[in-house]
Structures are given as C-alpha cells and as structure tokens.
C-alpha atoms as a PDB file:
ATOM      1  CA  UNK A   1     -16.079  11.619 -15.194  1.00  0.00           C
ATOM      2  CA  UNK A   2     -13.482   9.818 -16.532  1.00  0.00           C
ATOM      3  CA  UNK A   3     -11.136  12.953 -17.135  1.00  0.00           C
ATOM      4  CA  UNK A   4     -11.741  13.911 -13.128  1.00  0.00           C
ATOM      5  CA  UNK A   5     -11.165  10.525 -12.236  1.00  0.00           C
ATOM      6  CA  UNK A   6      -7.460  10.448 -14.031  1.00  0.00           C
ATOM      7  CA  UNK A   7      -6.723  13.913 -12.141  1.00  0.00           C
ATOM      8  CA  UNK A   8      -7.897  12.671  -9.322  1.00  0.00           C
ATOM      9  CA  UNK A   9      -5.025  11.348  -6.911  1.00  0.00           C
ATOM     10  CA  UNK A  10      -4.947   9.271  -3.601  1.00  0.00           C
ATOM     11  CA  UNK A  11      -8.397  10.240  -1.800  1.00  0.00           C
ATOM     12  CA  UNK A  12      -6.268  10.690   1.028  1.00  0.00           C
ATOM     13  CA  UNK A  13      -3.466  12.940  -0.537  1.00  0.00           C
ATOM     14  CA  UNK A  14      -6.104  15.567  -2.076  1.00  0.00           C
ATOM     15  CA  UNK A  15      -7.751  15.055   1.312  1.00  0.00           C
ATOM     16  CA  UNK A  16      -4.375  15.761   2.266  1.00  0.00           C
ATOM     17  CA  UNK A  17      -3.974  18.534  -0.002  1.00  0.00           C
ATOM     18  CA  UNK A  18      -6.530  20.430   0.983  1.00  0.00           C
ATOM     19  CA  UNK A  19      -6.327  21.209   4.375  1.00  0.00           C
ATOM     20  CA  UNK A  20      -3.812  22.330   3.848  1.00  0.00           C
ATOM     21  CA  UNK A  21      -4.691  24.466   1.344  1.00  0.00           C
ATOM     22  CA  UNK A  22      -7.494  25.862   3.506  1.00  0.00           C
ATOM     23  CA  UNK A  23      -4.450  26.333   6.524  1.00  0.00           C
ATOM     24  CA  UNK A  24      -2.360  28.135   4.682  1.00  0.00           C
ATOM     25  CA  UNK A  25      -5.398  30.921   3.600  1.00  0.00           C
ATOM     26  CA  UNK A  26      -6.363  31.086   7.152  1.00  0.00           C
ATOM     27  CA  UNK A  27      -2.741  31.678   7.751  1.00  0.00           C
ATOM     28  CA  UNK A  28      -2.699  34.057   4.790  1.00  0.00           C
ATOM     29  CA  UNK A  29      -5.979  35.830   6.529  1.00  0.00           C
ATOM     30  CA  UNK A  30      -4.147  36.151   9.879  1.00  0.00           C
ATOM     31  CA  UNK A  31      -1.252  37.745   8.391  1.00  0.00           C
ATOM     32  CA  UNK A  32      -2.859  40.886   7.295  1.00  0.00           C
ATOM     33  CA  UNK A  33      -5.683  40.741  10.224  1.00  0.00           C
ATOM     34  CA  UNK A  34      -3.576  40.742  13.312  1.00  0.00           C
ATOM     35  CA  UNK A  35      -0.891  42.897  13.173  1.00  0.00           C
ATOM     36  CA  UNK A  36       1.794  40.913  15.941  1.00  0.00           C
ATOM     37  CA  UNK A  37       5.823  40.402  14.995  1.00  0.00           C
ATOM     38  CA  UNK A  38       5.983  37.089  16.079  1.00  0.00           C
ATOM     39  CA  UNK A  39       2.735  35.914  14.933  1.00  0.00           C
ATOM     40  CA  UNK A  40       4.174  36.983  11.945  1.00  0.00           C
ATOM     41  CA  UNK A  41       7.571  35.236  12.071  1.00  0.00           C
ATOM     42  CA  UNK A  42       5.620  32.107  13.040  1.00  0.00           C
ATOM     43  CA  UNK A  43       3.051  31.978  10.280  1.00  0.00           C
ATOM     44  CA  UNK A  44       5.857  32.601   7.529  1.00  0.00           C
ATOM     45  CA  UNK A  45       7.765  29.881   8.451  1.00  0.00           C
ATOM     46  CA  UNK A  46       4.636  27.857   8.183  1.00  0.00           C
ATOM     47  CA  UNK A  47       3.603  29.291   5.061  1.00  0.00           C
ATOM     48  CA  UNK A  48       7.424  28.661   3.562  1.00  0.00           C
ATOM     49  CA  UNK A  49       6.755  24.764   4.768  1.00  0.00           C
ATOM     50  CA  UNK A  50       3.549  25.064   2.645  1.00  0.00           C
ATOM     51  CA  UNK A  51       5.340  26.685  -0.455  1.00  0.00           C
ATOM     52  CA  UNK A  52       7.904  23.981  -0.522  1.00  0.00           C
ATOM     53  CA  UNK A  53       4.812  20.932  -0.085  1.00  0.00           C
ATOM     54  CA  UNK A  54       3.032  22.759  -3.059  1.00  0.00           C
ATOM     55  CA  UNK A  55       5.252  23.295  -5.442  1.00  0.00           C
ATOM     56  CA  UNK A  56       6.133  19.600  -4.527  1.00  0.00           C
ATOM     57  CA  UNK A  57       2.718  18.809  -5.501  1.00  0.00           C
ATOM     58  CA  UNK A  58       2.522  21.125  -8.181  1.00  0.00           C
ATOM     59  CA  UNK A  59       6.035  18.691 -10.171  1.00  0.00           C
ATOM     60  CA  UNK A  60       3.855  15.258  -8.991  1.00  0.00           C
ATOM     61  CA  UNK A  61       0.674  16.476 -10.488  1.00  0.00           C
ATOM     62  CA  UNK A  62       2.449  17.594 -13.742  1.00  0.00           C
ATOM     63  CA  UNK A  63       4.059  15.042 -14.351  1.00  0.00           C
ATOM     64  CA  UNK A  64       1.421  12.088 -13.814  1.00  0.00           C
ATOM     65  CA  UNK A  65      -1.173  14.236 -15.919  1.00  0.00           C
ATOM     66  CA  UNK A  66      -2.305  12.609 -18.835  1.00  0.00           C
ATOM     67  CA  UNK A  67      -1.716  15.802 -20.705  1.00  0.00           C
ATOM     68  CA  UNK A  68       0.759  18.144 -18.189  1.00  0.00           C
ATOM     69  CA  UNK A  69      -0.227  21.036 -21.494  1.00  0.00           C
ATOM     70  CA  UNK A  70      -4.669  20.353 -20.282  1.00  0.00           C
ATOM     71  CA  UNK A  71      -3.172  20.168 -16.448  1.00  0.00           C
ATOM     72  CA  UNK A  72      -1.232  23.593 -16.604  1.00  0.00           C
ATOM     73  CA  UNK A  73      -3.493  25.966 -18.854  1.00  0.00           C
ATOM     74  CA  UNK A  74      -7.110  23.696 -18.156  1.00  0.00           C
ATOM     75  CA  UNK A  75      -6.934  22.818 -14.401  1.00  0.00           C
ATOM     76  CA  UNK A  76      -5.207  25.829 -13.553  1.00  0.00           C
ATOM     77  CA  UNK A  77      -1.675  23.937 -13.450  1.00  0.00           C
ATOM     78  CA  UNK A  78      -0.252  27.844 -14.164  1.00  0.00           C
ATOM     79  CA  UNK A  79      -2.323  28.923 -10.217  1.00  0.00           C
ATOM     80  CA  UNK A  80      -0.876  26.108  -8.510  1.00  0.00           C
ATOM     81  CA  UNK A  81       2.706  26.856  -9.464  1.00  0.00           C
ATOM     82  CA  UNK A  82       2.465  30.625  -8.807  1.00  0.00           C
ATOM     83  CA  UNK A  83       1.091  29.701  -5.774  1.00  0.00           C
ATOM     84  CA  UNK A  84       4.039  27.506  -4.183  1.00  0.00           C
ATOM     85  CA  UNK A  85       6.132  30.493  -4.917  1.00  0.00           C
ATOM     86  CA  UNK A  86       7.107  32.675  -2.112  1.00  0.00           C
ATOM     87  CA  UNK A  87       5.022  35.553  -2.955  1.00  0.00           C
ATOM     88  CA  UNK A  88       2.321  37.238  -0.462  1.00  0.00           C
ATOM     89  CA  UNK A  89       0.748  38.548  -3.828  1.00  0.00           C
ATOM     90  CA  UNK A  90       0.433  34.912  -5.132  1.00  0.00           C
ATOM     91  CA  UNK A  91      -0.803  33.045  -1.960  1.00  0.00           C
ATOM     92  CA  UNK A  92      -4.358  33.848  -2.880  1.00  0.00           C
ATOM     93  CA  UNK A  93      -4.259  31.642  -5.866  1.00  0.00           C
ATOM     94  CA  UNK A  94      -4.247  28.718  -3.297  1.00  0.00           C
ATOM     95  CA  UNK A  95      -7.491  28.717  -3.175  1.00  0.00           C
ATOM     96  CA  UNK A  96      -7.632  27.476  -6.966  1.00  0.00           C
ATOM     97  CA  UNK A  97      -5.960  24.369  -5.434  1.00  0.00           C
ATOM     98  CA  UNK A  98      -9.079  24.016  -2.855  1.00  0.00           C
ATOM     99  CA  UNK A  99     -11.765  24.398  -5.281  1.00  0.00           C
ATOM    100  CA  UNK A 100     -10.464  21.843  -7.425  1.00  0.00           C
ATOM    101  CA  UNK A 101      -9.990  19.310  -4.691  1.00  0.00           C
ATOM    102  CA  UNK A 102     -13.459  19.968  -3.475  1.00  0.00           C
ATOM    103  CA  UNK A 103     -15.014  19.716  -7.052  1.00  0.00           C
ATOM    104  CA  UNK A 104     -13.253  16.485  -7.481  1.00  0.00           C
ATOM    105  CA  UNK A 105     -13.997  14.614  -4.445  1.00  0.00           C
ATOM    106  CA  UNK A 106     -17.625  16.055  -4.578  1.00  0.00           C
ATOM    107  CA  UNK A 107     -17.945  14.217  -8.124  1.00  0.00           C
ATOM    108  CA  UNK A 108     -16.273  10.775  -6.816  1.00  0.00           C
ATOM    109  CA  UNK A 109     -19.149  10.471  -3.559  1.00  0.00           C
ATOM    110  CA  UNK A 110     -18.631  10.522  -0.229  1.00  0.00           C
ATOM    111  CA  UNK A 111     -18.766   6.559   0.122  1.00  0.00           C
ATOM    112  CA  UNK A 112     -16.377   5.599  -2.774  1.00  0.00           C
ATOM    113  CA  UNK A 113     -13.988   8.072  -0.711  1.00  0.00           C
ATOM    114  CA  UNK A 114     -14.557   6.090   3.048  1.00  0.00           C
ATOM    115  CA  UNK A 115     -14.194   2.900   0.812  1.00  0.00           C
ATOM    116  CA  UNK A 116     -10.862   4.192  -0.444  1.00  0.00           C
ATOM    117  CA  UNK A 117      -9.466   5.689   2.647  1.00  0.00           C
ATOM    118  CA  UNK A 118     -10.386   2.379   4.474  1.00  0.00           C
ATOM    119  CA  UNK A 119      -8.831  -0.096   1.797  1.00  0.00           C
ATOM    120  CA  UNK A 120      -5.595   2.069   1.672  1.00  0.00           C
ATOM    121  CA  UNK A 121      -5.283   2.350   5.766  1.00  0.00           C
ATOM    122  CA  UNK A 122      -1.592   2.793   5.525  1.00  0.00           C
ATOM    123  CA  UNK A 123      -1.218   5.594   3.197  1.00  0.00           C
ATOM    124  CA  UNK A 124      -3.993   7.280   5.102  1.00  0.00           C
ATOM    125  CA  UNK A 125      -2.714   6.831   8.416  1.00  0.00           C
ATOM    126  CA  UNK A 126       0.647   9.200   6.811  1.00  0.00           C
ATOM    127  CA  UNK A 127      -1.189  12.052   5.638  1.00  0.00           C
ATOM    128  CA  UNK A 128      -2.843  12.180   9.313  1.00  0.00           C
ATOM    129  CA  UNK A 129       0.585  12.028  10.508  1.00  0.00           C
ATOM    130  CA  UNK A 130       2.397  14.578   8.677  1.00  0.00           C
ATOM    131  CA  UNK A 131      -1.321  17.088   8.885  1.00  0.00           C
ATOM    132  CA  UNK A 132      -0.993  16.229  12.329  1.00  0.00           C
ATOM    133  CA  UNK A 133       2.656  16.803  12.593  1.00  0.00           C
ATOM    134  CA  UNK A 134       2.252  20.442  10.756  1.00  0.00           C
ATOM    135  CA  UNK A 135      -0.526  21.256  13.156  1.00  0.00           C
ATOM    136  CA  UNK A 136       1.176  20.849  16.526  1.00  0.00           C
ATOM    137  CA  UNK A 137       4.090  22.978  14.766  1.00  0.00           C
ATOM    138  CA  UNK A 138       2.534  25.420  14.106  1.00  0.00           C
ATOM    139  CA  UNK A 139       0.192  26.090  16.996  1.00  0.00           C
ATOM    140  CA  UNK A 140       2.324  24.568  19.047  1.00  0.00           C
ATOM    141  CA  UNK A 141       5.027  27.483  18.870  1.00  0.00           C
ATOM    142  CA  UNK A 142       1.734  29.437  19.504  1.00  0.00           C
ATOM    143  CA  UNK A 143       0.558  28.571  22.322  1.00  0.00           C
ATOM    144  CA  UNK A 144       3.799  28.157  23.731  1.00  0.00           C
ATOM    145  CA  UNK A 145       4.740  31.469  22.799  1.00  0.00           C
ATOM    146  CA  UNK A 146       1.508  33.057  24.622  1.00  0.00           C
ATOM    147  CA  UNK A 147       2.022  31.484  27.770  1.00  0.00           C
ATOM    148  CA  UNK A 148       5.982  31.750  27.949  1.00  0.00           C
ATOM    149  CA  UNK A 149       6.901  35.084  26.307  1.00  0.00           C
ATOM    150  CA  UNK A 150       6.406  37.501  29.210  1.00  0.00           C
ATOM    151  CA  UNK A 151       6.859  35.261  32.074  1.00  0.00           C
ATOM    152  CA  UNK A 152       9.923  36.046  34.772  1.00  0.00           C
ATOM    153  CA  UNK A 153      12.732  33.785  33.917  1.00  0.00           C
ATOM    154  CA  UNK A 154      10.966  32.821  30.450  1.00  0.00           C
ATOM    155  CA  UNK A 155      13.614  31.963  27.881  1.00  0.00           C
ATOM    156  CA  UNK A 156      11.546  31.147  25.365  1.00  0.00           C
ATOM    157  CA  UNK A 157      10.914  34.723  24.179  1.00  0.00           C
ATOM    158  CA  UNK A 158      10.876  34.662  20.429  1.00  0.00           C
ATOM    159  CA  UNK A 159       9.178  33.179  17.981  1.00  0.00           C
ATOM    160  CA  UNK A 160      12.478  31.490  16.115  1.00  0.00           C
ATOM    161  CA  UNK A 161      12.334  30.420  20.543  1.00  0.00           C
ATOM    162  CA  UNK A 162       9.138  28.687  20.026  1.00  0.00           C
ATOM    163  CA  UNK A 163       9.309  27.210  16.977  1.00  0.00           C
ATOM    164  CA  UNK A 164      12.470  25.501  17.773  1.00  0.00           C
ATOM    165  CA  UNK A 165      11.167  23.962  20.816  1.00  0.00           C
ATOM    166  CA  UNK A 166       8.133  23.154  19.207  1.00  0.00           C
ATOM    167  CA  UNK A 167      10.580  21.009  16.786  1.00  0.00           C
ATOM    168  CA  UNK A 168      12.744  19.557  19.207  1.00  0.00           C
ATOM    169  CA  UNK A 169       9.990  18.278  21.691  1.00  0.00           C
ATOM    170  CA  UNK A 170       7.895  16.981  18.799  1.00  0.00           C
ATOM    171  CA  UNK A 171      10.823  14.714  17.959  1.00  0.00           C
ATOM    172  CA  UNK A 172      11.611  13.880  21.572  1.00  0.00           C
ATOM    173  CA  UNK A 173      15.591  14.866  21.012  1.00  0.00           C
ATOM    174  CA  UNK A 174      14.850  17.777  23.946  1.00  0.00           C
ATOM    175  CA  UNK A 175      17.909  19.314  24.155  1.00  0.00           C
ATOM    176  CA  UNK A 176      17.103  21.610  27.143  1.00  0.00           C
ATOM    177  CA  UNK A 177      18.611  24.904  26.106  1.00  0.00           C
ATOM    178  CA  UNK A 178      14.634  25.829  25.929  1.00  0.00           C
ATOM    179  CA  UNK A 179      12.498  24.578  28.068  1.00  0.00           C
ATOM    180  CA  UNK A 180       8.804  26.066  29.570  1.00  0.00           C
ATOM    181  CA  UNK A 181       8.725  27.667  32.983  1.00  0.00           C
ATOM    182  CA  UNK A 182       4.996  28.027  33.629  1.00  0.00           C
ATOM    183  CA  UNK A 183       2.744  25.398  34.558  1.00  0.00           C
ATOM    184  CA  UNK A 184       0.502  26.596  31.751  1.00  0.00           C
ATOM    185  CA  UNK A 185       4.054  26.305  29.374  1.00  0.00           C
ATOM    186  CA  UNK A 186       4.719  22.613  30.993  1.00  0.00           C
ATOM    187  CA  UNK A 187       1.580  21.611  29.999  1.00  0.00           C
ATOM    188  CA  UNK A 188       1.753  22.387  26.516  1.00  0.00           C
ATOM    189  CA  UNK A 189       4.998  21.020  26.637  1.00  0.00           C
ATOM    190  CA  UNK A 190       3.697  17.951  27.785  1.00  0.00           C
ATOM    191  CA  UNK A 191       0.831  17.441  24.828  1.00  0.00           C
ATOM    192  CA  UNK A 192       3.742  18.356  22.530  1.00  0.00           C
ATOM    193  CA  UNK A 193       5.507  15.366  23.624  1.00  0.00           C
ATOM    194  CA  UNK A 194       2.538  12.800  23.889  1.00  0.00           C
ATOM    195  CA  UNK A 195       1.770  13.978  20.454  1.00  0.00           C
ATOM    196  CA  UNK A 196       5.715  13.510  18.997  1.00  0.00           C
ATOM    197  CA  UNK A 197       5.901   9.833  20.817  1.00  0.00           C
ATOM    198  CA  UNK A 198       2.187   8.976  19.025  1.00  0.00           C
ATOM    199  CA  UNK A 199       3.386  10.926  15.735  1.00  0.00           C
ATOM    200  CA  UNK A 200       7.028   9.409  15.367  1.00  0.00           C
ATOM    201  CA  UNK A 201       6.364   5.909  16.642  1.00  0.00           C
ATOM    202  CA  UNK A 202       3.290   5.173  14.336  1.00  0.00           C
ATOM    203  CA  UNK A 203       5.322   6.907  11.445  1.00  0.00           C
ATOM    204  CA  UNK A 204       8.193   4.276  12.477  1.00  0.00           C
ATOM    205  CA  UNK A 205       5.899   1.334  12.267  1.00  0.00           C
ATOM    206  CA  UNK A 206       4.549   2.597   8.773  1.00  0.00           C
ATOM    207  CA  UNK A 207       7.894   2.285   7.677  1.00  0.00           C
ATOM    208  CA  UNK A 208       9.087  -1.185   8.959  1.00  0.00           C
ATOM    209  CA  UNK A 209       5.754  -2.692   7.333  1.00  0.00           C
ATOM    210  CA  UNK A 210       6.507  -0.454   4.287  1.00  0.00           C
ATOM    211  CA  UNK A 211       9.538  -2.257   3.461  1.00  0.00           C
ATOM    212  CA  UNK A 212       9.242  -6.076   5.208  1.00  0.00           C
ATOM    213  CA  UNK A 213       6.268  -6.557   3.884  1.00  0.00           C
ATOM    214  CA  UNK A 214       6.095  -8.965   0.403  1.00  0.00           C
ATOM    215  CA  UNK A 215       5.426  -6.539  -2.333  1.00  0.00           C
ATOM    216  CA  UNK A 216       3.255  -9.149  -4.408  1.00  0.00           C
ATOM    217  CA  UNK A 217       1.233 -10.868  -1.299  1.00  0.00           C
ATOM    218  CA  UNK A 218      -0.419 -14.524  -2.769  1.00  0.00           C
ATOM    219  CA  UNK A 219      -3.679 -14.023  -3.476  1.00  0.00           C
ATOM    220  CA  UNK A 220      -6.002 -15.119  -0.304  1.00  0.00           C
ATOM    221  CA  UNK A 221      -7.274 -18.607  -0.842  1.00  0.00           C
ATOM    222  CA  UNK A 222     -11.514 -18.826  -1.270  1.00  0.00           C
ATOM    223  CA  UNK A 223     -12.304 -21.621   1.749  1.00  0.00           C
ATOM    224  CA  UNK A 224     -15.728 -22.154   0.041  1.00  0.00           C
ATOM    225  CA  UNK A 225     -14.127 -22.830  -3.403  1.00  0.00           C
ATOM    226  CA  UNK A 226     -11.080 -24.726  -2.320  1.00  0.00           C
ATOM    227  CA  UNK A 227     -12.941 -28.008  -3.047  1.00  0.00           C
ATOM    228  CA  UNK A 228     -14.303 -27.362  -6.587  1.00  0.00           C
ATOM    229  CA  UNK A 229     -11.044 -25.922  -7.487  1.00  0.00           C
ATOM    230  CA  UNK A 230      -9.077 -29.328  -6.181  1.00  0.00           C
ATOM    231  CA  UNK A 231     -11.741 -31.748  -8.201  1.00  0.00           C
ATOM    232  CA  UNK A 232     -11.100 -29.854 -11.690  1.00  0.00           C
ATOM    233  CA  UNK A 233      -7.385 -29.883 -10.630  1.00  0.00           C
ATOM    234  CA  UNK A 234      -7.552 -33.993 -10.765  1.00  0.00           C
ATOM    235  CA  UNK A 235      -9.665 -34.163 -13.488  1.00  0.00           C
ATOM    236  CA  UNK A 236      -7.666 -32.123 -15.405  1.00  0.00           C
ATOM    237  CA  UNK A 237      -4.937 -34.489 -14.694  1.00  0.00           C
ATOM    238  CA  UNK A 238      -6.552 -37.703 -15.719  1.00  0.00           C
ATOM    239  CA  UNK A 239      -7.662 -36.567 -18.417  1.00  0.00           C
ATOM    240  CA  UNK A 240      -4.020 -35.499 -19.730  1.00  0.00           C
ATOM    241  CA  UNK A 241      -2.492 -38.875 -18.062  1.00  0.00           C
ATOM    242  CA  UNK A 242      -5.074 -40.915 -20.089  1.00  0.00           C
ATOM    243  CA  UNK A 243      -4.411 -38.866 -23.021  1.00  0.00           C
ATOM    244  CA  UNK A 244      -0.809 -39.796 -22.652  1.00  0.00           C
ATOM    245  CA  UNK A 245      -1.786 -43.332 -21.695  1.00  0.00           C
ATOM    246  CA  UNK A 246      -3.512 -43.788 -25.340  1.00  0.00           C
ATOM    247  CA  UNK A 247      -0.082 -42.558 -26.892  1.00  0.00           C
ATOM    248  CA  UNK A 248       1.797 -44.985 -25.441  1.00  0.00           C
ATOM    249  CA  UNK A 249      -0.506 -47.557 -26.296  1.00  0.00           C
ATOM    250  CA  UNK A 250      -0.928 -46.191 -29.856  1.00  0.00           C
ATOM    251  CA  UNK A 251       3.415 -46.749 -29.828  1.00  0.00           C
ATOM    252  CA  UNK A 252       3.209 -50.051 -28.734  1.00  0.00           C
ATOM    253  CA  UNK A 253       0.711 -51.262 -30.931  1.00  0.00           C
ATOM    254  CA  UNK A 254       1.860 -49.759 -33.950  1.00  0.00           C
ATOM    255  CA  UNK A 255       4.620 -52.223 -35.412  1.00  0.00           C
ATOM    256  CA  UNK A 256       2.316 -54.896 -34.749  1.00  0.00           C
ATOM    257  CA  UNK A 257      -0.691 -53.856 -36.438  1.00  0.00           C
END
C-alpha cells in the first residue's frame, strides 16, 4: 500500500491522465473501424497531442518515482514510453497506463479521492479546464466539419479548416477567415465560443490566484483556543519576569551579605 501511494500523483492528475487514456484508446479504435479521410486527419492530430502529453507524463513519473528502475521495469514504465511514440502499433500500450491509474485510485478509495479533489479545488479545476479544452477541440472540429463540409458556399471543407476554426474560436481570437454558413454550424460555433470564454476566463483567474496568493499563508486562528493561549502566554511571561527579578535581587544583596 505504501509503494502504491508513493506511486500515486495528485488525484486530479491521475483522473486527468486516465480520462485521456480512455479517449486515446477510443480514437485508436475509430481510426481502424471508421474509414474516413477527414475523421482520420482530426484523430491523427489529437493522437499527436496525446503523444506529447503522455511523453511528458512518462518523464514526470520517472523523475519523481522513488525508484526509476522499479517504475520502468516493474510498473510498466516501458509501456508508457512506447505508448508515447507516435507509432500506431504502440498506441494500444496506453491501456497499461489506464490499468495502473484504475488500480491506484481503487486502492486509495472513493472517499479519499473525493476529499483530495475538494481539498485541491484549484488544481482539480485546472485539470477540468485542460480536459474540456481537449474535448472541445476534438468533438468541436468533428461536429463543425460534419455540418459544414458539403454545405453550399461553405469554407470549412477540410479537417484542417475545422481544426483551425475550432482553435481560433475557442481561444476567442476569431480571425474570420473560416466561419460557418449553416444554422447548425453557427449553433456549434456559438457553443464553442461560450465554452472558450469560460475556459480561458477561469484559467486566467487560476493563474492570477497562483501568482498573487501568498506562498505560506498564516495558519488559521482557533477562536475557541485563543483565550487559553493568551493566558498561557501571560503566565509564561510572568514567570520569566519573576526569575529576572530574583536574579536582580541576588545581585543587589550579594555584596552587602
């Protein structure tokens, strides 16, 4: 249990990695099941993003592991490394990451997970924002491409157009070079804009709180114990004062004795 807890990173981080692992495996299945050029392009871009995230996760785990060798050989670190390589044959190894996250969180317990998420609300919110951004990028691109691709006068006709439109819309930049021409496309675009404003607004607030909040906040004062602490402090000062007075009296009466 001790080794498993030491291997466990923050609860929010483990859940974030677990959800990304599930999504990457689903994308991998879709790449082989659904034979569509534009879908393949979007999923390939998303899998490239996942590869970067999983490579960073591998480096983070091996650097912070109590034993780098034990993590690499006994806890499937080699599978994490190979799953991060942008090679289709290795991506199925991401299931090992999912199994490990499930095992670690199962051993910790649901109550402990809930308490940890509530205690670290800022960090958990950050992972939720990152996950929302990834989900909006993938499914927003697929949705806007689906409704706009064959519409008369459409300018979002390829997967790269859809991805570019989603990125500039979710970031609230809105260059205007790509835009929806259908009613469903405009509704999807409006949803992406609203989510983008919420994501970046909350992320900005998180950064402001991170940089401006004191690093070592003062410990909370226990109102119930304030009176007791004050009395003990006064008593200790009185005892010190009496000791000093006793020493002064001895010094003053010493020569006369």
